[in-house]
Amino acid sequence: MADAQAPAQPTYLFVTHGKARSLHGAVADVIWLATAMVLGLALRIPFFALPIIPDEGGYAYATRHWLDGSGQLYHDLWISRPQGIFYLYALVMRTLGDDVLAFRFAAWIASALTTIAVWAFARMWAGRRCGNFAAFAFAFISAAPTIEGFTANAEAFMALPAAFAALALLHAARRDWNQRMLVLVGVLIGLATIIKPSGIVMLPVAWVFIVLAAEFPWRAYRARMAAVLAGMVLVAVPIAIHGYVLGWQEFLYATITYRIASQSSMTVGLAHNLYRLGVMLLYAAPWLLLLGLLLGVRHRETLRHMACRARARLMTRPRVRFDRRRWTNRAIGLVSPAHRVDIPVVRPNDDAGLLLRLWALGCVAGIAMGGDWWPHYLMQLAAPAAIWVARTGDSTVGMLAGRAARRALTLAIVALLVSPFALLARGSIDAMTETLYGHPVYLAQDDVAAYIRDHTTPDDTIYVAFDQAGIYYLSDRKPAYRYLYDQELRGIPTSYGDLISLIQGPDRPRYIIGTLRPGPFPDDSRLFWQEVGQYYTLETTIDGVPIYRARTPSD
């Protein structure tokens, strides 16, 4: 009788709540998951042939020479990353190969494994069909060419341990905060951090979730937070020992000090932050539209009531002038001890929803850390975004009354997820590369590298002014200056003088390759090119890219 009176569970487009799950359903779910993982590969394959990007080239170059013993990390092989990304590239080189296709295939493997964490988290939160849809949403978001989802950037690898850290944390919360599980969370956060430093944001995410998820004495909070930190220490200790062997000061400077002092959101200036943020948001426009669409439909009644109330107030309320004294007194009252406001901690029943929000906020903080706001930074937000789209799409579509409205919203969701792949309409690899990067050197890299190999010996050095580290890797020639990227040249005050002295000195590079960009220096690098004109001869151009050869006494 009680069962007959119980309200029926709602059935939505993406989630069906049931009391039991059959073996047939379990097999079907695994098939859905496997299909989503393969879909992630299929979406990337058309872009695998695009030229190597500077990040891939820099990681691959440093790893190759580290493995063959011809260079030392954080000395002549200098990249501001912990060792994790080099370990991963070394693993790929020893197993899959050393070309760009192998690196990008390995990045897909990492993304496919991340799909499992996304799928499991969404299932724990909202049911099996939500998990299935989240896996498919992640395939589209993580592979989007507008955020370089096809590349082997550090974000693609870092997202794997970060997603499993969130999943393990949710498991721990639902299993009486098992200490071993919390230590595992810390280990996963540590692995994410040594791949890319922004992975450290998962530590405050875990700590805040531990405090907000349930009411316990503070010593219980401290014990659980210490367990997470202990897991991170298990990863940090061997990394620190290796850093000591490589050179402690050099290791600390490359992995921590340089970023804090020279290249972070706090050092690049407000104008730079706003400009780069605006560019990144343009690349994220489809997902911002999706966010606005789902929230707008979900809260349409609330928005309608707010608009009506605002309109009524404007029509009936007399116009008043701004009372500066009144608002000043209010502000003073908020910070005055006599008017202290105690804000209660609200502990929501939805632990997964709380964790997802904290996870997403942590990703945003990680994206903002460097101050560069590159579109590929959004890759670290792909996992929580996919889960949110699945859950919110589920409930929002289920709220609509008519079948036509539900179908229209579903089609809109799918269209916005697929829209970044409109780049395929450009047809050729050259056209897609030009659309994504707008930089002629990308298309000329292979030919430039071949020319350098044919006209130099392995002992010769070259310099690519002032970026495009892929040329070093493709040509297998060492750079004359250890800083490979224009952001580093901009952040290190002595870099301009070092380059001028390098050109003037006897150990100048054999070749200098121009990248058709002004460079990161205040005078648009005019002094640099003046010195190049005195000591170098323009030997050839390849697809518009100039190649300068150092003059010899016979010249």
Protein backbone atom coordinates (compact mmCIF):
# COMPACT_ATOMS: atom_id res chain seq x y z
CA MET A 1 0.00 0.00 0.00
CA ALA A 2 2.84 2.34 0.85
CA ASP A 3 4.44 1.63 -2.52
CA ALA A 4 1.21 2.43 -4.30
CA GLN A 5 1.00 5.81 -2.62
CA ALA A 6 4.63 6.77 -3.23
CA PRO A 7 5.10 9.40 -5.91
CA ALA A 8 6.43 8.17 -9.22
CA GLN A 9 10.06 8.91 -9.97
CA PRO A 10 10.45 11.45 -12.80
CA THR A 11 11.79 10.24 -16.12
CA TYR A 12 13.90 12.74 -18.04
CA LEU A 13 15.56 12.66 -21.40
CA PHE A 14 19.01 11.88 -20.02
CA VAL A 15 18.37 10.20 -16.66
CA THR A 16 15.93 7.51 -15.63
CA HIS A 17 15.87 6.78 -11.91
CA GLY A 18 15.29 3.09 -11.23
CA LYS A 19 15.58 0.80 -8.22
CA ALA A 20 17.52 -1.97 -9.88
CA ARG A 21 19.95 -2.28 -12.73
CA SER A 22 19.96 -5.40 -14.89
CA LEU A 23 23.00 -7.09 -16.36
CA HIS A 24 21.79 -6.02 -19.78
CA GLY A 25 21.80 -2.42 -18.60
CA ALA A 26 25.33 -2.76 -17.24
CA VAL A 27 26.61 -4.13 -20.55
CA ALA A 28 24.82 -1.35 -22.40
CA ASP A 29 26.44 1.26 -20.16
CA VAL A 30 29.90 -0.15 -20.83
CA ILE A 31 29.18 -0.03 -24.55
CA TRP A 32 28.11 3.61 -24.22
CA LEU A 33 31.32 4.40 -22.35
CA ALA A 34 33.52 2.60 -24.88
CA THR A 35 31.72 4.38 -27.73
CA ALA A 36 32.34 7.76 -26.11
CA MET A 37 36.03 6.93 -25.71
CA VAL A 38 36.34 5.90 -29.37
CA LEU A 39 34.38 9.00 -30.38
CA GLY A 40 37.04 11.11 -28.66
CA LEU A 41 39.64 9.52 -30.94
CA ALA A 42 37.50 9.93 -34.07
CA LEU A 43 37.02 13.63 -33.32
CA ARG A 44 40.77 14.13 -32.95
CA ILE A 45 42.02 12.16 -35.95
CA PRO A 46 41.22 14.85 -38.57
CA PHE A 47 43.48 17.26 -36.66
CA PHE A 48 46.38 14.93 -35.90
CA ALA A 49 48.12 16.05 -39.09
CA LEU A 50 48.21 19.71 -38.02
CA PRO A 51 51.75 20.98 -37.39
CA ILE A 52 53.47 20.51 -34.06
CA ILE A 53 52.79 23.36 -31.65
CA PRO A 54 55.43 25.14 -29.51
CA ASP A 55 54.45 23.39 -26.27
CA GLU A 56 54.68 19.94 -27.82
CA GLY A 57 57.96 20.87 -29.48
CA GLY A 58 59.49 22.20 -26.27
CA TYR A 59 58.49 19.17 -24.20
CA ALA A 60 59.67 16.75 -26.88
CA TYR A 61 62.98 18.58 -27.41
CA ALA A 62 63.82 18.66 -23.69
CA THR A 63 62.81 15.03 -23.21
CA ARG A 64 64.84 13.75 -26.17
CA HIS A 65 68.08 15.37 -25.04
CA TRP A 66 67.45 14.45 -21.41
CA LEU A 67 67.05 10.80 -22.40
CA ASP A 68 70.14 10.66 -24.62
CA GLY A 69 72.27 12.46 -22.02
CA SER A 70 73.13 15.44 -24.23
CA GLY A 71 71.42 17.93 -21.93
CA GLN A 72 70.36 18.46 -18.34
CA LEU A 73 66.90 19.46 -17.20
CA TYR A 74 66.60 22.99 -15.80
CA HIS A 75 70.08 23.89 -17.05
CA ASP A 76 70.48 23.96 -20.83
CA LEU A 77 67.13 22.13 -21.15
CA TRP A 78 65.02 24.80 -19.47
CA ILE A 79 61.22 24.69 -19.35
CA SER A 80 59.21 26.01 -16.41
CA ARG A 81 57.50 22.70 -15.63
CA PRO A 82 58.04 19.97 -13.02
CA GLN A 83 59.37 16.65 -14.22
CA GLY A 84 55.99 14.97 -14.71
CA ILE A 85 55.43 16.11 -18.28
CA PHE A 86 58.95 14.96 -19.25
CA TYR A 87 58.35 11.54 -17.68
CA LEU A 88 55.18 11.22 -19.77
CA TYR A 89 56.87 12.27 -23.00
CA ALA A 90 59.72 9.86 -22.23
CA LEU A 91 57.21 7.04 -21.76
CA VAL A 92 55.60 7.86 -25.09
CA MET A 93 58.95 7.99 -26.88
CA ARG A 94 59.96 4.61 -25.49
CA THR A 95 56.63 2.93 -26.31
CA LEU A 96 54.66 4.64 -29.10
CA GLY A 97 57.34 6.62 -30.95
CA ASP A 98 58.84 10.08 -31.11
CA ASP A 99 56.74 11.83 -33.73
CA VAL A 100 53.86 14.23 -33.17
CA LEU A 101 51.31 11.55 -34.02
CA ALA A 102 52.56 9.39 -31.13
CA PHE A 103 52.34 12.30 -28.70
CA ARG A 104 48.79 13.15 -29.74
CA PHE A 105 47.68 9.53 -29.64
CA ALA A 106 49.03 9.32 -26.09
CA ALA A 107 47.07 12.45 -25.20
CA TRP A 108 43.92 10.75 -26.48
CA ILE A 109 44.67 7.72 -24.28
CA ALA A 110 44.85 10.05 -21.29
CA SER A 111 41.58 11.68 -22.35
CA ALA A 112 39.92 8.29 -22.83
CA LEU A 113 40.90 7.27 -19.31
CA THR A 114 39.62 10.62 -18.02
CA THR A 115 36.28 9.76 -19.66
CA ILE A 116 35.96 6.88 -17.20
CA ALA A 117 36.23 9.27 -14.23
CA VAL A 118 33.71 11.67 -15.81
CA TRP A 119 31.30 8.81 -16.49
CA ALA A 120 31.60 7.39 -12.98
CA PHE A 121 31.26 10.77 -11.24
CA ALA A 122 28.12 11.64 -13.21
CA ARG A 123 26.61 8.21 -12.47
CA MET A 124 27.23 8.64 -8.75
CA TRP A 125 25.61 12.06 -8.90
CA ALA A 126 22.58 11.59 -11.11
CA GLY A 127 22.28 8.06 -12.47
CA ARG A 128 23.46 5.85 -15.29
CA ARG A 129 22.07 7.73 -18.28
CA CYS A 130 23.49 10.98 -17.00
CA GLY A 131 26.86 9.23 -16.83
CA ASN A 132 26.51 8.06 -20.41
CA PHE A 133 25.65 11.53 -21.66
CA ALA A 134 28.47 13.09 -19.62
CA ALA A 135 30.94 10.74 -21.33
CA PHE A 136 29.74 11.88 -24.75
CA ALA A 137 29.73 15.54 -23.74
CA PHE A 138 33.31 15.15 -22.52
CA ALA A 139 34.34 13.60 -25.83
CA PHE A 140 33.16 16.71 -27.70
CA ILE A 141 34.40 19.30 -25.21
CA SER A 142 37.84 17.81 -24.59
CA ALA A 143 38.54 17.22 -28.31
CA ALA A 144 37.39 20.65 -29.51
CA PRO A 145 39.97 22.09 -31.93
CA THR A 146 39.29 25.62 -30.70
CA ILE A 147 41.03 24.71 -27.42
CA GLU A 148 43.68 22.54 -29.12
CA GLY A 149 42.02 19.42 -27.73
CA PHE A 150 43.85 17.28 -30.28
CA THR A 151 47.31 18.27 -29.00
CA ALA A 152 49.57 16.71 -26.37
CA ASN A 153 49.51 19.72 -24.10
CA ALA A 154 50.18 19.24 -20.40
CA GLU A 155 46.52 19.99 -19.64
CA ALA A 156 45.39 16.85 -21.48
CA PHE A 157 47.53 14.67 -19.21
CA MET A 158 46.96 16.67 -16.01
CA ALA A 159 43.17 16.33 -16.36
CA LEU A 160 43.42 12.55 -15.83
CA PRO A 161 44.68 12.44 -12.22
CA ALA A 162 42.67 15.58 -11.37
CA ALA A 163 39.41 13.94 -12.49
CA PHE A 164 40.15 10.73 -10.61
CA ALA A 165 41.06 12.81 -7.54
CA ALA A 166 37.55 14.32 -7.63
CA LEU A 167 36.00 10.87 -8.09
CA ALA A 168 38.03 9.38 -5.24
CA LEU A 169 37.09 12.31 -2.99
CA LEU A 170 33.40 11.71 -3.66
CA HIS A 171 33.88 8.00 -2.91
CA ALA A 172 35.62 8.89 0.35
CA ALA A 173 32.78 11.18 1.40
CA ARG A 174 30.25 8.39 0.84
CA ARG A 175 32.32 5.77 2.64
CA ASP A 176 32.80 7.43 6.02
CA TRP A 177 35.86 9.37 4.88
CA ASN A 178 38.14 6.39 4.51
CA GLN A 179 41.69 7.52 5.29
CA ARG A 180 43.30 5.38 2.60
CA MET A 181 40.99 6.84 0.01
CA LEU A 182 41.90 10.36 1.15
CA VAL A 183 45.60 9.52 0.86
CA LEU A 184 44.88 8.32 -2.68
CA VAL A 185 43.20 11.67 -3.37
CA GLY A 186 46.41 13.40 -2.29
CA VAL A 187 48.55 11.15 -4.48
CA LEU A 188 46.39 11.93 -7.49
CA ILE A 189 46.55 15.67 -6.77
CA GLY A 190 50.32 15.37 -6.48
CA LEU A 191 50.52 13.61 -9.86
CA ALA A 192 48.39 16.33 -11.45
CA THR A 193 50.65 19.01 -9.96
CA ILE A 194 53.92 17.54 -11.21
CA ILE A 195 52.46 17.37 -14.72
CA LYS A 196 51.26 20.98 -14.63
CA PRO A 197 51.56 23.25 -11.57
CA SER A 198 47.94 24.47 -11.84
CA GLY A 199 46.93 20.98 -10.67
CA ILE A 200 47.69 22.22 -7.15
CA VAL A 201 44.27 23.91 -7.11
CA MET A 202 42.73 20.51 -6.40
CA LEU A 203 44.25 20.62 -2.90
CA PRO A 204 42.12 23.57 -1.68
CA VAL A 205 39.18 22.03 -3.54
CA ALA A 206 39.59 18.86 -1.48
CA TRP A 207 40.08 20.73 1.79
CA VAL A 208 37.07 23.00 1.33
CA PHE A 209 34.90 20.03 0.35
CA ILE A 210 35.98 18.14 3.47
CA VAL A 211 34.89 21.07 5.65
CA LEU A 212 31.62 21.85 3.88
CA ALA A 213 30.35 18.37 3.06
CA ALA A 214 29.48 17.32 6.62
CA GLU A 215 29.47 18.52 10.23
CA PHE A 216 32.33 17.11 12.32
CA PRO A 217 34.69 18.30 15.08
CA TRP A 218 37.63 20.32 13.82
CA ARG A 219 40.12 17.59 14.72
CA ALA A 220 38.30 15.28 12.28
CA TYR A 221 38.64 17.92 9.56
CA ARG A 222 42.32 18.31 10.35
CA ALA A 223 42.92 14.56 10.20
CA ARG A 224 41.24 14.24 6.82
CA MET A 225 42.98 17.28 5.39
CA ALA A 226 46.30 15.89 6.69
CA ALA A 227 45.61 12.57 4.94
CA VAL A 228 45.19 14.37 1.61
CA LEU A 229 48.37 16.35 2.22
CA ALA A 230 50.23 13.16 3.13
CA GLY A 231 49.31 11.69 -0.22
CA MET A 232 50.77 14.73 -1.95
CA VAL A 233 53.96 14.38 0.09
CA LEU A 234 54.35 10.81 -1.18
CA VAL A 235 54.62 12.27 -4.68
CA ALA A 236 56.57 15.40 -3.74
CA VAL A 237 59.43 13.63 -1.94
CA PRO A 238 60.84 11.65 -4.90
CA ILE A 239 60.31 14.68 -7.18
CA ALA A 240 62.24 16.88 -4.74
CA ILE A 241 65.04 14.33 -4.47
CA HIS A 242 65.32 14.21 -8.25
CA GLY A 243 65.29 18.01 -8.32
CA TYR A 244 68.13 18.07 -5.80
CA VAL A 245 70.15 15.72 -7.99
CA LEU A 246 69.51 17.93 -11.03
CA GLY A 247 70.48 21.08 -9.11
CA TRP A 248 68.35 22.40 -6.28
CA GLN A 249 68.47 26.12 -7.08
CA GLU A 250 67.89 25.58 -10.79
CA PHE A 251 65.03 23.17 -10.05
CA LEU A 252 63.30 25.57 -7.64
CA TYR A 253 63.73 28.50 -10.02
CA ALA A 254 62.26 26.68 -13.02
CA THR A 255 59.34 25.07 -11.19
CA ILE A 256 58.36 27.69 -8.59
CA THR A 257 60.35 30.92 -8.32
CA TYR A 258 60.24 31.93 -11.99
CA ARG A 259 56.46 31.66 -12.22
CA ILE A 260 55.85 33.60 -9.03
CA ALA A 261 58.34 36.36 -9.80
CA SER A 262 58.13 36.70 -13.58
CA GLN A 263 55.15 35.00 -15.21
CA SER A 264 51.85 34.89 -13.37
CA SER A 265 48.56 36.72 -13.40
CA MET A 266 49.98 39.07 -10.76
CA THR A 267 53.04 40.08 -12.81
CA VAL A 268 51.73 40.58 -16.35
CA GLY A 269 49.44 43.54 -15.66
CA LEU A 270 45.70 44.15 -15.74
CA ALA A 271 45.54 45.14 -19.42
CA HIS A 272 47.29 41.94 -20.47
CA ASN A 273 45.00 39.83 -18.30
CA LEU A 274 41.85 41.44 -19.68
CA TYR A 275 42.99 41.17 -23.29
CA ARG A 276 44.05 37.53 -23.05
CA LEU A 277 40.91 36.65 -21.08
CA GLY A 278 38.78 38.24 -23.80
CA VAL A 279 40.53 36.20 -26.50
CA MET A 280 40.06 32.99 -24.54
CA LEU A 281 36.36 33.71 -24.02
CA LEU A 282 35.94 34.13 -27.78
CA TYR A 283 37.24 30.60 -28.25
CA ALA A 284 34.88 29.42 -25.50
CA ALA A 285 31.85 31.19 -27.01
CA PRO A 286 29.88 27.97 -27.86
CA TRP A 287 30.11 26.75 -24.28
CA LEU A 288 29.22 30.14 -22.86
CA LEU A 289 26.14 30.10 -25.08
CA LEU A 290 25.35 26.60 -23.84
CA LEU A 291 25.72 27.74 -20.24
CA GLY A 292 23.41 30.71 -20.83
CA LEU A 293 20.88 28.58 -22.69
CA LEU A 294 20.56 25.94 -19.98
CA LEU A 295 20.44 28.44 -17.14
CA GLY A 296 18.00 30.65 -19.03
CA VAL A 297 15.58 27.80 -19.76
CA ARG A 298 15.95 26.32 -16.30
CA HIS A 299 15.23 29.60 -14.52
CA ARG A 300 12.95 31.17 -17.10
CA GLU A 301 10.08 31.67 -14.69
CA THR A 302 12.31 33.31 -12.13
CA LEU A 303 13.81 35.58 -14.78
CA ARG A 304 10.34 36.49 -16.02
CA HIS A 305 9.19 37.40 -12.52
CA MET A 306 12.35 39.44 -11.91
CA ALA A 307 11.83 41.34 -15.14
CA CYS A 308 8.18 42.08 -14.28
CA ARG A 309 9.09 43.28 -10.80
CA ALA A 310 11.87 45.48 -12.11
CA ARG A 311 9.55 46.97 -14.72
CA ALA A 312 6.89 47.66 -12.10
CA ARG A 313 9.37 49.35 -9.81
CA LEU A 314 10.65 51.58 -12.58
CA MET A 315 7.12 52.64 -13.44
CA THR A 316 5.89 53.30 -9.88
CA ARG A 317 8.94 54.26 -7.85
CA PRO A 318 9.85 57.98 -7.74
CA ARG A 319 13.26 58.89 -9.06
CA VAL A 320 15.76 59.57 -6.26
CA ARG A 321 19.29 60.79 -6.23
CA PHE A 322 22.17 58.63 -5.04
CA ASP A 323 22.67 59.17 -1.30
CA ARG A 324 26.40 58.84 -0.84
CA ARG A 325 26.28 59.29 2.96
CA ARG A 326 23.66 56.58 3.38
CA TRP A 327 25.61 53.99 1.41
CA THR A 328 28.86 54.96 3.13
CA ASN A 329 27.28 54.35 6.53
CA ARG A 330 26.02 50.98 5.33
CA ALA A 331 29.49 49.98 4.17
CA ILE A 332 31.00 51.03 7.51
CA GLY A 333 28.36 49.03 9.31
CA LEU A 334 29.28 45.87 7.45
CA VAL A 335 32.92 46.00 8.54
CA SER A 336 32.39 47.49 11.98
CA PRO A 337 32.72 45.06 14.91
CA ALA A 338 29.55 46.53 16.35
CA HIS A 339 27.66 45.44 13.24
CA ARG A 340 29.34 42.10 12.74
CA VAL A 341 27.42 39.73 10.49
CA ASP A 342 27.76 36.01 11.17
CA ILE A 343 27.36 34.01 7.98
CA PRO A 344 26.22 30.45 8.72
CA VAL A 345 27.80 27.53 6.90
CA VAL A 346 25.10 25.78 4.88
CA ARG A 347 25.83 22.12 4.29
CA PRO A 348 23.96 20.98 1.17
CA ASN A 349 22.44 17.55 0.79
CA ASP A 350 23.94 17.32 -2.70
CA ASP A 351 27.56 16.37 -1.98
CA ALA A 352 28.39 15.64 -5.62
CA GLY A 353 26.95 18.97 -6.73
CA LEU A 354 29.00 20.78 -4.08
CA LEU A 355 32.18 19.00 -5.15
CA LEU A 356 31.52 19.70 -8.82
CA ARG A 357 31.13 23.43 -8.15
CA LEU A 358 34.34 23.51 -6.12
CA TRP A 359 36.11 21.50 -8.83
CA ALA A 360 35.00 23.94 -11.52
CA LEU A 361 36.05 26.95 -9.41
CA GLY A 362 39.42 25.32 -8.84
CA CYS A 363 39.85 24.84 -12.58
CA VAL A 364 39.06 28.52 -13.17
CA ALA A 365 41.68 29.45 -10.58
CA GLY A 366 44.18 27.16 -12.29
CA ILE A 367 43.45 28.74 -15.66
CA ALA A 368 44.07 32.20 -14.19
CA MET A 369 47.36 31.34 -12.45
CA GLY A 370 49.73 31.96 -15.34
CA GLY A 371 48.14 35.15 -16.65
CA ASP A 372 48.40 33.96 -20.26
CA TRP A 373 44.81 32.72 -20.66
CA TRP A 374 45.68 30.48 -23.62
CA PRO A 375 42.60 28.71 -25.04
CA HIS A 376 44.12 25.29 -24.38
CA TYR A 377 43.99 26.06 -20.64
CA LEU A 378 40.25 25.37 -20.93
CA MET A 379 41.07 21.67 -21.36
CA GLN A 380 41.38 21.37 -17.58
CA LEU A 381 37.78 22.58 -17.24
CA ALA A 382 36.39 20.05 -19.74
CA ALA A 383 35.64 17.27 -17.22
CA PRO A 384 33.52 19.25 -14.70
CA ALA A 385 31.88 21.13 -17.58
CA ALA A 386 30.79 17.87 -19.23
CA ILE A 387 29.32 16.55 -15.99
CA TRP A 388 27.46 19.81 -15.40
CA VAL A 389 26.07 19.85 -18.94
CA ALA A 390 24.82 16.28 -18.52
CA ARG A 391 23.13 16.88 -15.17
CA THR A 392 21.72 20.30 -15.96
CA GLY A 393 20.61 19.20 -19.42
CA ASP A 394 18.83 16.26 -17.80
CA SER A 395 16.78 18.30 -15.39
CA THR A 396 16.21 21.23 -17.76
CA VAL A 397 14.88 19.10 -20.61
CA GLY A 398 12.71 17.23 -18.13
CA MET A 399 11.14 20.51 -16.96
CA LEU A 400 9.78 21.32 -20.41
CA ALA A 401 6.17 20.34 -21.01
CA GLY A 402 5.97 19.85 -24.77
CA ARG A 403 7.77 17.25 -26.85
CA ALA A 404 8.69 19.85 -29.45
CA ALA A 405 10.31 22.06 -26.82
CA ARG A 406 12.31 19.14 -25.42
CA ARG A 407 13.52 18.18 -28.89
CA ALA A 408 14.44 21.77 -29.72
CA LEU A 409 16.49 22.14 -26.53
CA THR A 410 18.19 18.78 -27.10
CA LEU A 411 19.12 19.78 -30.66
CA ALA A 412 20.45 23.11 -29.40
CA ILE A 413 22.64 21.36 -26.81
CA VAL A 414 24.03 18.96 -29.42
CA ALA A 415 24.59 21.77 -31.94
CA LEU A 416 26.59 23.86 -29.47
CA LEU A 417 28.72 20.86 -28.46
CA VAL A 418 29.46 20.06 -32.11
CA SER A 419 29.92 23.66 -33.32
CA PRO A 420 33.70 23.92 -32.63
CA PHE A 421 34.22 21.17 -35.19
CA ALA A 422 32.92 23.45 -37.93
CA LEU A 423 36.63 24.05 -38.47
CA LEU A 424 36.55 20.86 -40.56
CA ALA A 425 34.60 22.79 -43.17
CA ARG A 426 37.84 24.62 -43.99
CA GLY A 427 38.88 21.43 -45.76
CA SER A 428 42.67 21.33 -45.98
CA ILE A 429 45.24 21.07 -43.20
CA ASP A 430 46.76 24.38 -44.31
CA ALA A 431 43.42 26.17 -44.12
CA MET A 432 42.63 24.76 -40.67
CA THR A 433 46.10 25.68 -39.40
CA GLU A 434 45.75 29.21 -40.71
CA THR A 435 42.33 29.57 -39.07
CA LEU A 436 43.51 28.27 -35.71
CA TYR A 437 46.86 30.02 -35.45
CA GLY A 438 47.12 32.69 -38.15
CA HIS A 439 50.87 32.19 -38.06
CA PRO A 440 52.76 31.33 -41.29
CA VAL A 441 55.65 29.64 -39.46
CA TYR A 442 53.43 26.73 -38.40
CA LEU A 443 53.01 25.64 -42.02
CA ALA A 444 56.70 26.11 -42.83
CA GLN A 445 58.13 24.30 -39.79
CA ASP A 446 58.82 20.96 -41.45
CA ASP A 447 60.55 22.50 -44.47
CA VAL A 448 62.55 24.91 -42.33
CA ALA A 449 63.67 22.08 -40.05
CA ALA A 450 64.68 19.96 -43.04
CA TYR A 451 66.76 22.81 -44.45
CA ILE A 452 68.50 23.34 -41.10
CA ARG A 453 69.32 19.63 -40.81
CA ASP A 454 70.80 19.57 -44.30
CA HIS A 455 72.99 22.64 -43.75
CA THR A 456 74.26 22.09 -40.21
CA THR A 457 76.01 19.47 -38.12
CA PRO A 458 74.65 18.07 -34.82
CA ASP A 459 77.12 20.28 -32.96
CA ASP A 460 75.84 23.52 -34.51
CA THR A 461 73.37 25.68 -32.60
CA ILE A 462 70.48 27.67 -33.99
CA TYR A 463 68.11 30.27 -32.65
CA VAL A 464 64.42 30.68 -33.52
CA ALA A 465 63.43 34.28 -32.88
CA PHE A 466 61.42 34.28 -30.71
CA ASP A 467 59.20 31.26 -30.35
CA GLN A 468 58.18 28.08 -32.24
CA ALA A 469 60.15 25.55 -30.22
CA GLY A 470 58.92 22.83 -32.55
CA ILE A 471 61.68 23.76 -35.01
CA TYR A 472 64.32 22.75 -32.46
CA TYR A 473 62.73 19.34 -32.11
CA LEU A 474 62.06 18.76 -35.80
CA SER A 475 65.57 19.82 -36.83
CA ASP A 476 67.23 18.07 -33.87
CA ARG A 477 69.49 21.07 -33.32
CA LYS A 478 70.20 22.73 -29.99
CA PRO A 479 69.04 26.29 -29.28
CA ALA A 480 71.77 28.85 -28.64
CA TYR A 481 69.72 30.34 -25.79
CA ARG A 482 67.99 28.15 -23.24
CA TYR A 483 64.72 30.11 -23.01
CA LEU A 484 62.50 28.84 -25.81
CA TYR A 485 59.33 30.95 -25.55
CA ASP A 486 58.57 34.63 -25.95
CA GLN A 487 56.72 34.71 -22.59
CA GLU A 488 59.98 33.74 -20.89
CA LEU A 489 61.91 36.38 -22.82
CA ARG A 490 59.33 38.94 -21.72
CA GLY A 491 59.42 37.83 -18.10
CA ILE A 492 63.21 37.63 -17.62
CA PRO A 493 64.72 41.17 -17.51
CA THR A 494 68.17 40.13 -18.73
CA SER A 495 67.00 38.17 -21.78
CA TYR A 496 67.30 40.99 -24.32
CA GLY A 497 70.85 41.84 -23.32
CA ASP A 498 71.77 38.17 -23.30
CA LEU A 499 70.57 37.72 -26.87
CA ILE A 500 72.43 40.80 -28.11
CA SER A 501 75.62 39.61 -26.42
CA LEU A 502 75.10 36.14 -27.89
CA ILE A 503 74.95 37.52 -31.43
CA GLN A 504 78.00 39.70 -30.89
CA GLY A 505 80.08 36.94 -29.29
CA PRO A 506 82.19 34.24 -30.91
CA ASP A 507 79.73 31.44 -30.06
CA ARG A 508 76.85 32.93 -31.99
CA PRO A 509 74.34 30.44 -33.44
CA ARG A 510 74.99 29.08 -36.91
CA TYR A 511 71.50 30.02 -38.11
CA ILE A 512 68.78 32.38 -36.94
CA ILE A 513 65.23 31.74 -38.08
CA GLY A 514 62.76 34.60 -38.06
CA THR A 515 59.17 33.97 -37.04
CA LEU A 516 57.72 37.07 -38.72
CA ARG A 517 56.68 38.48 -35.36
CA PRO A 518 58.06 41.64 -33.68
CA GLY A 519 59.10 39.82 -30.52
CA PRO A 520 58.47 40.46 -26.84
CA PHE A 521 60.79 43.42 -26.33
CA PRO A 522 59.82 47.10 -25.89
CA ASP A 523 61.41 48.27 -29.16
CA ASP A 524 59.76 45.44 -31.13
CA SER A 525 63.20 43.80 -31.24
CA ARG A 526 64.71 46.39 -33.62
CA LEU A 527 68.09 46.35 -31.86
CA PHE A 528 68.17 42.57 -32.11
CA TRP A 529 67.60 42.61 -35.85
CA GLN A 530 70.13 45.40 -36.31
CA GLU A 531 72.75 43.17 -34.75
CA VAL A 532 71.60 40.26 -36.89
CA GLY A 533 72.15 42.47 -39.96
CA GLN A 534 75.76 43.09 -38.92
CA TYR A 535 76.73 39.49 -38.25
CA TYR A 536 74.39 37.43 -40.46
CA THR A 537 73.44 37.06 -44.10
CA LEU A 538 69.95 36.25 -45.34
CA GLU A 539 70.58 32.87 -46.94
CA THR A 540 67.09 31.88 -48.00
CA THR A 541 63.40 32.13 -47.27
CA ILE A 542 61.04 29.18 -47.02
CA ASP A 543 57.36 30.03 -47.45
CA GLY A 544 58.21 33.55 -46.40
CA VAL A 545 60.20 32.50 -43.33
CA PRO A 546 63.70 34.08 -43.39
CA ILE A 547 66.75 32.00 -42.51
CA TYR A 548 69.95 33.89 -41.66
CA ARG A 549 73.43 32.34 -41.68
CA ALA A 550 76.30 33.61 -39.56
CA ARG A 551 78.98 35.27 -41.68
CA THR A 552 82.41 33.64 -41.93
CA PRO A 553 85.74 35.37 -42.60
CA SER A 554 85.44 34.41 -46.26
CA ASP A 555 82.14 36.35 -46.46
